[in-house]
N, C-alpha and C. Protein backbone atom coordinates (compact mmCIF):
# COMPACT_ATOMS: atom_id res chain seq x y z
N MET A 1 33.37 -32.11 143.13
CA MET A 1 34.13 -33.29 142.74
C MET A 1 35.24 -33.59 143.75
N LYS A 2 35.94 -32.50 144.19
CA LYS A 2 37.01 -32.70 145.17
C LYS A 2 36.44 -33.24 146.47
N PHE A 3 35.25 -32.72 146.88
CA PHE A 3 34.63 -33.16 148.11
C PHE A 3 34.28 -34.65 148.04
N ARG A 4 33.78 -35.07 146.89
CA ARG A 4 33.41 -36.49 146.70
C ARG A 4 34.66 -37.37 146.79
N ASN A 5 35.74 -36.97 146.15
CA ASN A 5 36.98 -37.75 146.21
C ASN A 5 37.52 -37.82 147.64
N LEU A 6 37.41 -36.71 148.37
CA LEU A 6 37.86 -36.69 149.76
C LEU A 6 37.00 -37.63 150.61
N SER A 7 35.70 -37.65 150.36
CA SER A 7 34.79 -38.54 151.09
C SER A 7 35.14 -40.00 150.84
N ILE A 8 35.43 -40.31 149.59
CA ILE A 8 35.81 -41.68 149.24
C ILE A 8 37.12 -42.06 149.92
N LEU A 9 38.07 -41.14 149.92
CA LEU A 9 39.36 -41.39 150.55
C LEU A 9 39.21 -41.62 152.05
N VAL A 10 38.40 -40.79 152.71
CA VAL A 10 38.17 -40.94 154.15
C VAL A 10 37.49 -42.28 154.44
N ALA A 11 36.50 -42.64 153.65
CA ALA A 11 35.81 -43.92 153.83
C ALA A 11 36.78 -45.08 153.67
N LEU A 12 37.66 -44.98 152.67
CA LEU A 12 38.64 -46.03 152.43
C LEU A 12 39.60 -46.18 153.60
N VAL A 13 40.03 -45.06 154.18
CA VAL A 13 40.92 -45.10 155.34
C VAL A 13 40.23 -45.81 156.51
N PHE A 14 38.94 -45.52 156.73
CA PHE A 14 38.21 -46.18 157.82
C PHE A 14 38.06 -47.68 157.59
N VAL A 15 37.82 -48.07 156.36
CA VAL A 15 37.71 -49.50 156.03
C VAL A 15 39.03 -50.21 156.29
N ILE A 16 40.12 -49.62 155.83
CA ILE A 16 41.44 -50.23 156.03
C ILE A 16 41.78 -50.29 157.52
N ALA A 17 41.51 -49.20 158.24
CA ALA A 17 41.79 -49.17 159.69
C ALA A 17 40.94 -50.21 160.41
N GLY A 18 39.68 -50.34 160.02
CA GLY A 18 38.80 -51.33 160.64
C GLY A 18 39.30 -52.74 160.40
N ALA A 19 39.75 -53.01 159.20
CA ALA A 19 40.28 -54.34 158.89
C ALA A 19 41.54 -54.63 159.70
N ALA A 20 42.38 -53.62 159.86
CA ALA A 20 43.61 -53.80 160.63
C ALA A 20 43.29 -54.06 162.10
N LEU A 21 42.31 -53.31 162.63
CA LEU A 21 41.93 -53.50 164.03
C LEU A 21 41.27 -54.85 164.25
N ALA A 22 40.46 -55.28 163.30
CA ALA A 22 39.77 -56.55 163.44
C ALA A 22 40.74 -57.72 163.34
N GLY A 23 41.87 -57.52 162.70
CA GLY A 23 42.82 -58.61 162.54
C GLY A 23 42.42 -59.49 161.38
N GLU A 24 43.40 -60.10 160.80
CA GLU A 24 43.14 -60.99 159.68
C GLU A 24 42.75 -62.37 160.18
N VAL A 25 41.76 -62.96 159.56
CA VAL A 25 41.40 -64.34 159.86
C VAL A 25 42.40 -65.23 159.15
N PRO A 26 43.04 -66.15 159.87
CA PRO A 26 43.99 -67.05 159.21
C PRO A 26 43.32 -67.85 158.10
N ALA A 27 44.09 -68.23 157.11
CA ALA A 27 43.56 -69.05 156.01
C ALA A 27 43.18 -70.42 156.54
N PRO A 28 42.11 -71.00 156.02
CA PRO A 28 41.73 -72.35 156.44
C PRO A 28 42.74 -73.38 155.93
N PRO A 29 42.81 -74.52 156.61
CA PRO A 29 43.71 -75.57 156.13
C PRO A 29 43.24 -76.08 154.77
N ALA A 30 44.17 -76.59 154.00
CA ALA A 30 43.83 -77.13 152.68
C ALA A 30 43.06 -78.43 152.81
N ILE A 31 42.20 -78.69 151.84
CA ILE A 31 41.50 -79.97 151.79
C ILE A 31 42.58 -81.06 151.73
N GLY A 32 42.42 -82.10 152.55
CA GLY A 32 43.40 -83.18 152.63
C GLY A 32 44.35 -83.01 153.80
N SER A 33 44.38 -81.82 154.42
CA SER A 33 45.21 -81.60 155.61
C SER A 33 44.64 -82.37 156.79
N THR A 34 45.50 -82.70 157.72
CA THR A 34 45.06 -83.33 158.96
C THR A 34 44.86 -82.25 160.01
N ILE A 35 43.70 -82.26 160.64
CA ILE A 35 43.39 -81.31 161.71
C ILE A 35 43.95 -81.88 163.01
N GLU A 36 44.80 -81.10 163.66
CA GLU A 36 45.45 -81.56 164.89
C GLU A 36 44.43 -81.75 166.01
N GLU A 37 44.72 -82.70 166.88
CA GLU A 37 43.91 -82.94 168.07
C GLU A 37 43.82 -81.65 168.87
N PHE A 38 42.64 -81.40 169.48
CA PHE A 38 42.49 -80.23 170.35
C PHE A 38 41.54 -80.57 171.49
N THR A 39 41.55 -79.73 172.49
CA THR A 39 40.66 -79.87 173.64
C THR A 39 40.02 -78.52 173.91
N LEU A 40 38.70 -78.53 174.11
CA LEU A 40 37.95 -77.32 174.43
C LEU A 40 36.93 -77.63 175.52
N PRO A 41 36.52 -76.62 176.29
CA PRO A 41 35.48 -76.84 177.30
C PRO A 41 34.08 -76.81 176.68
N ASP A 42 33.18 -77.60 177.28
CA ASP A 42 31.78 -77.51 176.87
C ASP A 42 31.11 -76.37 177.64
N VAL A 43 29.81 -76.25 177.51
CA VAL A 43 29.10 -75.13 178.14
C VAL A 43 29.03 -75.25 179.66
N ASP A 44 29.38 -76.42 180.19
CA ASP A 44 29.43 -76.61 181.65
C ASP A 44 30.86 -76.53 182.18
N GLY A 45 31.82 -76.28 181.28
CA GLY A 45 33.21 -76.15 181.69
C GLY A 45 34.02 -77.44 181.64
N ALA A 46 33.38 -78.56 181.31
CA ALA A 46 34.11 -79.84 181.21
C ALA A 46 34.91 -79.87 179.91
N GLU A 47 36.16 -80.31 179.99
CA GLU A 47 37.05 -80.36 178.82
C GLU A 47 36.76 -81.61 177.97
N HIS A 48 36.79 -81.44 176.66
CA HIS A 48 36.58 -82.55 175.73
C HIS A 48 37.61 -82.46 174.61
N SER A 49 38.20 -83.59 174.28
CA SER A 49 39.12 -83.63 173.15
C SER A 49 38.33 -83.94 171.89
N LEU A 50 38.89 -83.57 170.76
CA LEU A 50 38.28 -83.92 169.49
C LEU A 50 38.12 -85.43 169.40
N LYS A 51 39.15 -86.16 169.80
CA LYS A 51 39.12 -87.63 169.73
C LYS A 51 37.96 -88.21 170.53
N SER A 52 37.68 -87.62 171.70
CA SER A 52 36.63 -88.18 172.57
C SER A 52 35.23 -87.96 171.99
N LEU A 53 35.07 -86.99 171.11
CA LEU A 53 33.75 -86.68 170.54
C LEU A 53 33.60 -87.12 169.09
N ALA A 54 34.69 -87.54 168.48
CA ALA A 54 34.67 -87.91 167.06
C ALA A 54 33.81 -89.14 166.80
N GLY A 55 33.24 -89.20 165.61
CA GLY A 55 32.48 -90.38 165.20
C GLY A 55 33.42 -91.40 164.57
N LYS A 56 33.01 -92.65 164.55
CA LYS A 56 33.88 -93.69 163.98
C LYS A 56 34.10 -93.50 162.48
N ASN A 57 33.16 -92.84 161.80
CA ASN A 57 33.30 -92.60 160.36
C ASN A 57 33.58 -91.14 160.02
N GLY A 58 33.75 -90.32 161.03
CA GLY A 58 34.08 -88.92 160.77
C GLY A 58 33.40 -87.97 161.73
N THR A 59 33.75 -86.70 161.58
CA THR A 59 33.25 -85.66 162.47
C THR A 59 32.98 -84.41 161.66
N VAL A 60 31.89 -83.74 162.00
CA VAL A 60 31.57 -82.45 161.41
C VAL A 60 31.70 -81.39 162.50
N LEU A 61 32.57 -80.42 162.28
CA LEU A 61 32.71 -79.27 163.17
C LEU A 61 31.95 -78.12 162.53
N ILE A 62 31.09 -77.47 163.31
CA ILE A 62 30.33 -76.33 162.77
C ILE A 62 30.49 -75.14 163.71
N SER A 63 30.97 -74.03 163.17
CA SER A 63 31.01 -72.81 163.96
C SER A 63 29.59 -72.28 164.07
N ILE A 64 29.16 -72.03 165.30
CA ILE A 64 27.77 -71.60 165.53
C ILE A 64 27.75 -70.36 166.43
N ALA A 65 26.58 -69.74 166.51
CA ALA A 65 26.42 -68.53 167.31
C ALA A 65 25.06 -68.52 167.97
N VAL A 66 24.94 -67.72 169.02
CA VAL A 66 23.68 -67.53 169.73
C VAL A 66 22.86 -66.44 169.05
N GLN A 67 23.50 -65.32 168.71
CA GLN A 67 22.77 -64.15 168.24
C GLN A 67 22.72 -63.99 166.73
N CYS A 68 23.47 -64.75 165.99
CA CYS A 68 23.52 -64.58 164.54
C CYS A 68 22.23 -65.10 163.89
N PRO A 69 21.50 -64.25 163.16
CA PRO A 69 20.27 -64.72 162.52
C PRO A 69 20.50 -65.79 161.45
N VAL A 70 21.65 -65.77 160.82
CA VAL A 70 21.94 -66.80 159.81
C VAL A 70 22.17 -68.14 160.49
N SER A 71 23.01 -68.15 161.51
CA SER A 71 23.24 -69.39 162.26
C SER A 71 21.92 -69.91 162.84
N ASN A 72 21.10 -69.00 163.37
CA ASN A 72 19.81 -69.42 163.94
C ASN A 72 18.86 -69.97 162.89
N ALA A 73 18.97 -69.50 161.66
CA ALA A 73 18.13 -70.04 160.59
C ALA A 73 18.48 -71.50 160.30
N TYR A 74 19.68 -71.91 160.73
CA TYR A 74 20.14 -73.28 160.51
C TYR A 74 19.98 -74.19 161.73
N ASN A 75 19.44 -73.69 162.83
CA ASN A 75 19.36 -74.52 164.05
C ASN A 75 18.67 -75.85 163.80
N GLU A 76 17.50 -75.80 163.18
CA GLU A 76 16.74 -77.03 162.93
C GLU A 76 17.49 -77.96 161.97
N ARG A 77 18.11 -77.39 160.95
CA ARG A 77 18.86 -78.21 159.99
C ARG A 77 20.10 -78.83 160.63
N MET A 78 20.77 -78.07 161.51
CA MET A 78 21.94 -78.63 162.20
C MET A 78 21.53 -79.76 163.13
N ALA A 79 20.43 -79.57 163.85
CA ALA A 79 19.94 -80.62 164.75
C ALA A 79 19.57 -81.88 163.97
N GLN A 80 18.92 -81.69 162.83
CA GLN A 80 18.53 -82.84 162.00
C GLN A 80 19.74 -83.53 161.39
N LEU A 81 20.72 -82.74 160.97
CA LEU A 81 21.96 -83.30 160.42
C LEU A 81 22.63 -84.19 161.46
N ALA A 82 22.73 -83.69 162.68
CA ALA A 82 23.37 -84.46 163.77
C ALA A 82 22.63 -85.76 164.02
N ALA A 83 21.30 -85.69 164.04
CA ALA A 83 20.49 -86.90 164.27
C ALA A 83 20.62 -87.89 163.12
N ASP A 84 20.58 -87.40 161.89
CA ASP A 84 20.62 -88.28 160.71
C ASP A 84 21.95 -89.02 160.59
N TYR A 85 23.05 -88.36 160.92
CA TYR A 85 24.36 -88.96 160.66
C TYR A 85 24.99 -89.64 161.87
N LYS A 86 24.45 -89.40 163.06
CA LYS A 86 24.99 -90.08 164.25
C LYS A 86 24.89 -91.59 164.09
N ALA A 87 23.75 -92.05 163.59
CA ALA A 87 23.54 -93.48 163.37
C ALA A 87 24.47 -94.04 162.29
N LYS A 88 25.02 -93.16 161.46
CA LYS A 88 25.93 -93.59 160.39
C LYS A 88 27.39 -93.43 160.80
N GLY A 89 27.61 -93.08 162.08
CA GLY A 89 28.98 -93.00 162.59
C GLY A 89 29.68 -91.66 162.38
N ILE A 90 28.91 -90.63 162.04
CA ILE A 90 29.49 -89.28 161.91
C ILE A 90 28.88 -88.39 162.98
N ASN A 91 29.72 -87.83 163.83
CA ASN A 91 29.25 -86.96 164.91
C ASN A 91 29.40 -85.50 164.54
N VAL A 92 28.46 -84.71 165.00
CA VAL A 92 28.48 -83.26 164.81
C VAL A 92 28.91 -82.61 166.12
N ILE A 93 29.81 -81.63 166.02
CA ILE A 93 30.26 -80.85 167.18
C ILE A 93 30.11 -79.38 166.82
N GLY A 94 29.41 -78.64 167.65
CA GLY A 94 29.31 -77.19 167.47
C GLY A 94 30.44 -76.51 168.22
N ILE A 95 30.96 -75.44 167.64
CA ILE A 95 32.01 -74.65 168.30
C ILE A 95 31.59 -73.19 168.27
N ASN A 96 31.47 -72.60 169.46
CA ASN A 96 31.13 -71.19 169.57
C ASN A 96 32.38 -70.43 169.97
N ALA A 97 32.87 -69.58 169.07
CA ALA A 97 34.09 -68.80 169.31
C ALA A 97 33.79 -67.33 169.57
N ASN A 98 32.52 -66.95 169.63
CA ASN A 98 32.18 -65.54 169.84
C ASN A 98 32.50 -65.11 171.26
N VAL A 99 33.37 -64.14 171.40
CA VAL A 99 33.77 -63.64 172.72
C VAL A 99 32.58 -63.00 173.43
N SER A 100 31.62 -62.51 172.67
CA SER A 100 30.45 -61.82 173.23
C SER A 100 29.36 -62.77 173.72
N GLU A 101 29.54 -64.07 173.53
CA GLU A 101 28.52 -65.06 173.95
C GLU A 101 29.14 -66.01 174.97
N ASP A 102 28.73 -65.87 176.23
CA ASP A 102 29.32 -66.71 177.27
C ASP A 102 28.67 -68.09 177.31
N ALA A 103 29.25 -68.98 178.08
CA ALA A 103 28.80 -70.37 178.14
C ALA A 103 27.35 -70.49 178.61
N VAL A 104 26.93 -69.62 179.51
CA VAL A 104 25.55 -69.66 180.01
C VAL A 104 24.58 -69.38 178.86
N ALA A 105 24.88 -68.37 178.07
CA ALA A 105 24.03 -68.02 176.93
C ALA A 105 24.03 -69.14 175.88
N VAL A 106 25.19 -69.73 175.65
CA VAL A 106 25.31 -70.81 174.66
C VAL A 106 24.49 -72.03 175.10
N LYS A 107 24.57 -72.36 176.39
CA LYS A 107 23.82 -73.51 176.92
C LYS A 107 22.32 -73.26 176.82
N ALA A 108 21.86 -72.07 177.22
CA ALA A 108 20.43 -71.75 177.15
C ALA A 108 19.93 -71.79 175.70
N HIS A 109 20.73 -71.27 174.79
CA HIS A 109 20.38 -71.27 173.36
C HIS A 109 20.24 -72.69 172.84
N ALA A 110 21.18 -73.56 173.20
CA ALA A 110 21.15 -74.96 172.76
C ALA A 110 19.91 -75.67 173.28
N GLN A 111 19.57 -75.42 174.54
CA GLN A 111 18.38 -76.06 175.12
C GLN A 111 17.10 -75.55 174.45
N GLU A 112 17.04 -74.24 174.25
CA GLU A 112 15.86 -73.63 173.64
C GLU A 112 15.62 -74.15 172.22
N HIS A 113 16.71 -74.38 171.48
CA HIS A 113 16.59 -74.80 170.08
C HIS A 113 16.81 -76.30 169.87
N LYS A 114 16.86 -77.04 170.98
CA LYS A 114 16.98 -78.50 170.94
C LYS A 114 18.19 -78.98 170.14
N LEU A 115 19.33 -78.29 170.38
CA LEU A 115 20.58 -78.71 169.75
C LEU A 115 21.22 -79.76 170.66
N SER A 116 21.06 -81.01 170.31
CA SER A 116 21.48 -82.10 171.20
C SER A 116 22.93 -82.53 170.98
N PHE A 117 23.58 -82.01 169.96
CA PHE A 117 24.99 -82.35 169.73
C PHE A 117 25.86 -81.53 170.68
N PRO A 118 27.08 -82.00 170.98
CA PRO A 118 27.95 -81.25 171.88
C PRO A 118 28.31 -79.89 171.30
N ILE A 119 28.31 -78.89 172.19
CA ILE A 119 28.73 -77.54 171.79
C ILE A 119 29.86 -77.11 172.72
N LEU A 120 30.96 -76.74 172.11
CA LEU A 120 32.15 -76.34 172.85
C LEU A 120 32.37 -74.84 172.72
N LYS A 121 32.96 -74.26 173.76
CA LYS A 121 33.36 -72.84 173.70
C LYS A 121 34.83 -72.79 173.30
N ASP A 122 35.17 -71.79 172.54
CA ASP A 122 36.53 -71.64 172.02
C ASP A 122 37.13 -70.33 172.54
N PRO A 123 37.54 -70.32 173.82
CA PRO A 123 38.08 -69.08 174.37
C PRO A 123 39.38 -68.70 173.67
N GLY A 124 39.48 -67.43 173.32
CA GLY A 124 40.68 -66.97 172.62
C GLY A 124 40.72 -67.37 171.16
N ASP A 125 39.66 -68.01 170.67
CA ASP A 125 39.53 -68.36 169.24
C ASP A 125 40.65 -69.26 168.73
N LYS A 126 41.24 -70.07 169.58
CA LYS A 126 42.39 -70.86 169.13
C LYS A 126 42.01 -71.87 168.04
N ILE A 127 40.85 -72.49 168.16
CA ILE A 127 40.44 -73.47 167.15
C ILE A 127 39.86 -72.75 165.93
N ALA A 128 39.10 -71.68 166.15
CA ALA A 128 38.60 -70.89 165.01
C ALA A 128 39.77 -70.41 164.17
N ASP A 129 40.86 -69.99 164.83
CA ASP A 129 42.04 -69.54 164.08
C ASP A 129 42.70 -70.69 163.34
N LYS A 130 42.81 -71.86 163.98
CA LYS A 130 43.43 -73.02 163.31
C LYS A 130 42.62 -73.45 162.09
N LEU A 131 41.30 -73.32 162.20
CA LEU A 131 40.43 -73.73 161.10
C LEU A 131 40.23 -72.62 160.07
N GLY A 132 40.64 -71.40 160.42
CA GLY A 132 40.38 -70.28 159.52
C GLY A 132 38.90 -69.96 159.45
N ALA A 133 38.16 -70.27 160.52
CA ALA A 133 36.72 -70.01 160.54
C ALA A 133 36.47 -68.51 160.59
N SER A 134 35.58 -68.03 159.75
CA SER A 134 35.31 -66.60 159.72
C SER A 134 33.85 -66.25 159.98
N VAL A 135 32.93 -67.18 159.72
CA VAL A 135 31.51 -66.88 159.88
C VAL A 135 30.79 -68.00 160.62
N THR A 136 29.55 -67.68 161.02
CA THR A 136 28.65 -68.69 161.59
C THR A 136 27.40 -68.72 160.74
N PRO A 137 27.00 -69.92 160.27
CA PRO A 137 27.66 -71.22 160.45
C PRO A 137 28.71 -71.47 159.35
N GLU A 138 29.70 -72.29 159.71
CA GLU A 138 30.74 -72.70 158.77
C GLU A 138 31.12 -74.13 159.15
N ALA A 139 31.14 -75.03 158.18
CA ALA A 139 31.30 -76.46 158.46
C ALA A 139 32.63 -77.03 157.96
N TYR A 140 33.12 -78.00 158.72
CA TYR A 140 34.36 -78.74 158.40
C TYR A 140 34.06 -80.21 158.60
N PHE A 141 34.22 -81.00 157.55
CA PHE A 141 34.01 -82.45 157.64
C PHE A 141 35.36 -83.15 157.65
N LEU A 142 35.61 -83.88 158.74
CA LEU A 142 36.86 -84.62 158.90
C LEU A 142 36.57 -86.11 158.81
N ASP A 143 37.46 -86.86 158.18
CA ASP A 143 37.29 -88.31 158.17
C ASP A 143 37.71 -88.90 159.51
N ALA A 144 37.73 -90.22 159.61
CA ALA A 144 38.04 -90.89 160.88
C ALA A 144 39.47 -90.62 161.35
N ASN A 145 40.33 -90.17 160.45
CA ASN A 145 41.72 -89.84 160.81
C ASN A 145 41.95 -88.33 160.89
N ASN A 146 40.86 -87.57 160.99
CA ASN A 146 40.91 -86.10 161.09
C ASN A 146 41.43 -85.41 159.83
N LYS A 147 41.34 -86.08 158.70
CA LYS A 147 41.71 -85.45 157.43
C LYS A 147 40.53 -84.62 156.95
N LEU A 148 40.80 -83.36 156.57
CA LEU A 148 39.74 -82.46 156.12
C LEU A 148 39.27 -82.86 154.72
N LEU A 149 37.98 -83.21 154.63
CA LEU A 149 37.41 -83.63 153.36
C LEU A 149 36.51 -82.58 152.71
N TYR A 150 35.91 -81.72 153.56
CA TYR A 150 35.01 -80.69 153.05
C TYR A 150 35.08 -79.49 153.97
N HIS A 151 35.00 -78.30 153.40
CA HIS A 151 34.95 -77.05 154.17
C HIS A 151 34.02 -76.07 153.48
N GLY A 152 33.11 -75.48 154.26
CA GLY A 152 32.27 -74.43 153.70
C GLY A 152 30.87 -74.39 154.27
N ARG A 153 29.94 -74.04 153.41
CA ARG A 153 28.56 -73.85 153.83
C ARG A 153 27.87 -75.19 154.08
N ILE A 154 26.77 -75.14 154.81
CA ILE A 154 25.95 -76.34 155.03
C ILE A 154 25.15 -76.62 153.76
N ASP A 155 24.54 -75.59 153.25
CA ASP A 155 23.82 -75.67 151.98
C ASP A 155 23.78 -74.28 151.37
N ASN A 156 23.01 -74.09 150.32
CA ASN A 156 23.09 -72.83 149.56
C ASN A 156 22.15 -71.73 150.02
N ALA A 157 21.24 -72.00 150.97
CA ALA A 157 20.22 -71.00 151.26
C ALA A 157 19.86 -70.90 152.73
N ARG A 158 19.89 -69.67 153.22
CA ARG A 158 19.44 -69.41 154.60
C ARG A 158 17.97 -69.82 154.73
N ASN A 159 17.17 -69.51 153.73
CA ASN A 159 15.76 -69.85 153.72
C ASN A 159 15.60 -71.26 153.14
N PRO A 160 15.11 -72.23 153.94
CA PRO A 160 14.99 -73.61 153.45
C PRO A 160 14.13 -73.74 152.19
N ALA A 161 13.21 -72.81 151.98
CA ALA A 161 12.35 -72.87 150.79
C ALA A 161 13.14 -72.61 149.51
N GLN A 162 14.32 -72.02 149.64
CA GLN A 162 15.15 -71.72 148.47
C GLN A 162 16.30 -72.72 148.31
N LEU A 163 16.25 -73.79 149.04
CA LEU A 163 17.32 -74.79 149.01
C LEU A 163 17.44 -75.46 147.64
N GLU A 164 18.65 -75.44 147.10
CA GLU A 164 18.93 -76.09 145.81
C GLU A 164 19.99 -77.17 145.93
N THR A 165 20.95 -76.97 146.85
CA THR A 165 22.01 -77.96 147.01
C THR A 165 22.45 -78.07 148.46
N SER A 166 22.54 -79.27 148.94
CA SER A 166 22.97 -79.54 150.32
C SER A 166 24.42 -79.99 150.29
N ASP A 167 25.33 -79.03 150.18
CA ASP A 167 26.75 -79.34 149.96
C ASP A 167 27.35 -80.23 151.03
N LEU A 168 27.07 -79.94 152.30
CA LEU A 168 27.63 -80.74 153.39
C LEU A 168 27.08 -82.16 153.37
N ARG A 169 25.78 -82.31 153.24
CA ARG A 169 25.17 -83.65 153.19
C ARG A 169 25.71 -84.44 151.98
N ASN A 170 25.87 -83.77 150.86
CA ASN A 170 26.42 -84.45 149.68
C ASN A 170 27.82 -84.99 149.95
N ALA A 171 28.63 -84.19 150.66
CA ALA A 171 29.99 -84.62 151.00
C ALA A 171 29.95 -85.81 151.95
N LEU A 172 29.08 -85.75 152.96
CA LEU A 172 28.97 -86.85 153.93
C LEU A 172 28.51 -88.14 153.24
N ASP A 173 27.50 -88.02 152.40
CA ASP A 173 26.97 -89.19 151.70
C ASP A 173 28.00 -89.81 150.76
N ALA A 174 28.75 -88.97 150.06
CA ALA A 174 29.79 -89.49 149.17
C ALA A 174 30.85 -90.25 149.96
N ALA A 175 31.31 -89.66 151.06
CA ALA A 175 32.34 -90.32 151.87
C ALA A 175 31.85 -91.63 152.45
N LEU A 176 30.60 -91.65 152.91
CA LEU A 176 30.05 -92.89 153.50
C LEU A 176 29.90 -93.99 152.45
N SER A 177 29.67 -93.61 151.20
CA SER A 177 29.51 -94.62 150.15
C SER A 177 30.83 -94.95 149.46
N GLY A 178 31.93 -94.34 149.93
CA GLY A 178 33.25 -94.63 149.36
C GLY A 178 33.51 -93.94 148.04
N LYS A 179 32.71 -92.95 147.71
CA LYS A 179 32.89 -92.21 146.45
C LYS A 179 33.67 -90.92 146.70
N PRO A 180 34.31 -90.38 145.67
CA PRO A 180 34.98 -89.09 145.86
C PRO A 180 33.96 -87.98 146.08
N ILE A 181 34.33 -87.01 146.89
CA ILE A 181 33.47 -85.85 147.12
C ILE A 181 33.64 -84.90 145.95
N GLU A 182 32.56 -84.64 145.24
CA GLU A 182 32.64 -83.81 144.03
C GLU A 182 32.96 -82.35 144.36
N LYS A 183 32.34 -81.83 145.41
CA LYS A 183 32.54 -80.43 145.78
C LYS A 183 33.11 -80.39 147.19
N THR A 184 34.42 -80.18 147.27
CA THR A 184 35.09 -80.22 148.57
C THR A 184 35.08 -78.88 149.29
N GLU A 185 34.74 -77.81 148.58
CA GLU A 185 34.66 -76.49 149.19
C GLU A 185 33.50 -75.72 148.60
N ALA A 186 32.80 -74.98 149.48
CA ALA A 186 31.71 -74.10 149.04
C ALA A 186 31.70 -72.93 150.02
N ARG A 187 31.81 -71.74 149.52
CA ARG A 187 31.97 -70.56 150.37
C ARG A 187 30.86 -70.46 151.43
N ALA A 188 31.28 -70.40 152.68
CA ALA A 188 30.33 -70.24 153.78
C ALA A 188 29.84 -68.80 153.84
N PHE A 189 28.63 -68.61 154.34
CA PHE A 189 28.08 -67.27 154.51
C PHE A 189 27.40 -67.20 155.88
N GLY A 190 27.38 -66.02 156.45
CA GLY A 190 26.76 -65.84 157.75
C GLY A 190 27.33 -64.63 158.46
N CYS A 191 27.25 -64.64 159.78
CA CYS A 191 27.73 -63.52 160.60
C CYS A 191 29.19 -63.73 160.94
N THR A 192 29.95 -62.65 160.95
CA THR A 192 31.36 -62.70 161.29
C THR A 192 31.55 -63.16 162.73
N ILE A 193 32.50 -64.07 162.95
CA ILE A 193 32.82 -64.50 164.31
C ILE A 193 33.39 -63.31 165.07
N LYS A 194 32.86 -63.08 166.27
CA LYS A 194 33.31 -61.96 167.12
C LYS A 194 34.50 -62.43 167.93
N ARG A 195 35.69 -62.23 167.38
CA ARG A 195 36.92 -62.73 168.00
C ARG A 195 37.32 -61.91 169.22
N ALA A 196 38.09 -62.56 170.10
CA ALA A 196 38.60 -61.90 171.30
C ALA A 196 39.58 -60.81 170.92
């Protein structure tokens, strides 16, 4: 019994130490907050401001990854989302904050998976920290004035065959039709962002 309690105590110490070393992810901004203008480089090193990439009716920021199997399960859905809403004035922007994935890998991944929306690198995780992004994929829907209207998952299932609710699309459709967004937050799931 003493050995078991000691094992639990040692495991707990390692968990706490790991969390301290990993650092705390800042809390995400509240729904209704305005997201400040920012500038990040794309995969070719060219700088882009949020304003320069925003859609006239809003912008969706999605934290994405090259190696995360959950993010990769959403590649086709993210590409389709970007195509479906671009014509409606909402632009999708991918943000890769993983320190372990360089711009060359991100560019090759985007080409391989036909991700035609802009993908920016977030060196030092400055935007991931401002958004409180913790996993890939994780979505943020901003209106035309950069007010946060929705934060969370794209939908409820990694496997499209188990899809029951498309939370992000529901938020976009409600905003475009001038209706209130019923579900402004839905917990995102995926791989932890590998911060610097």
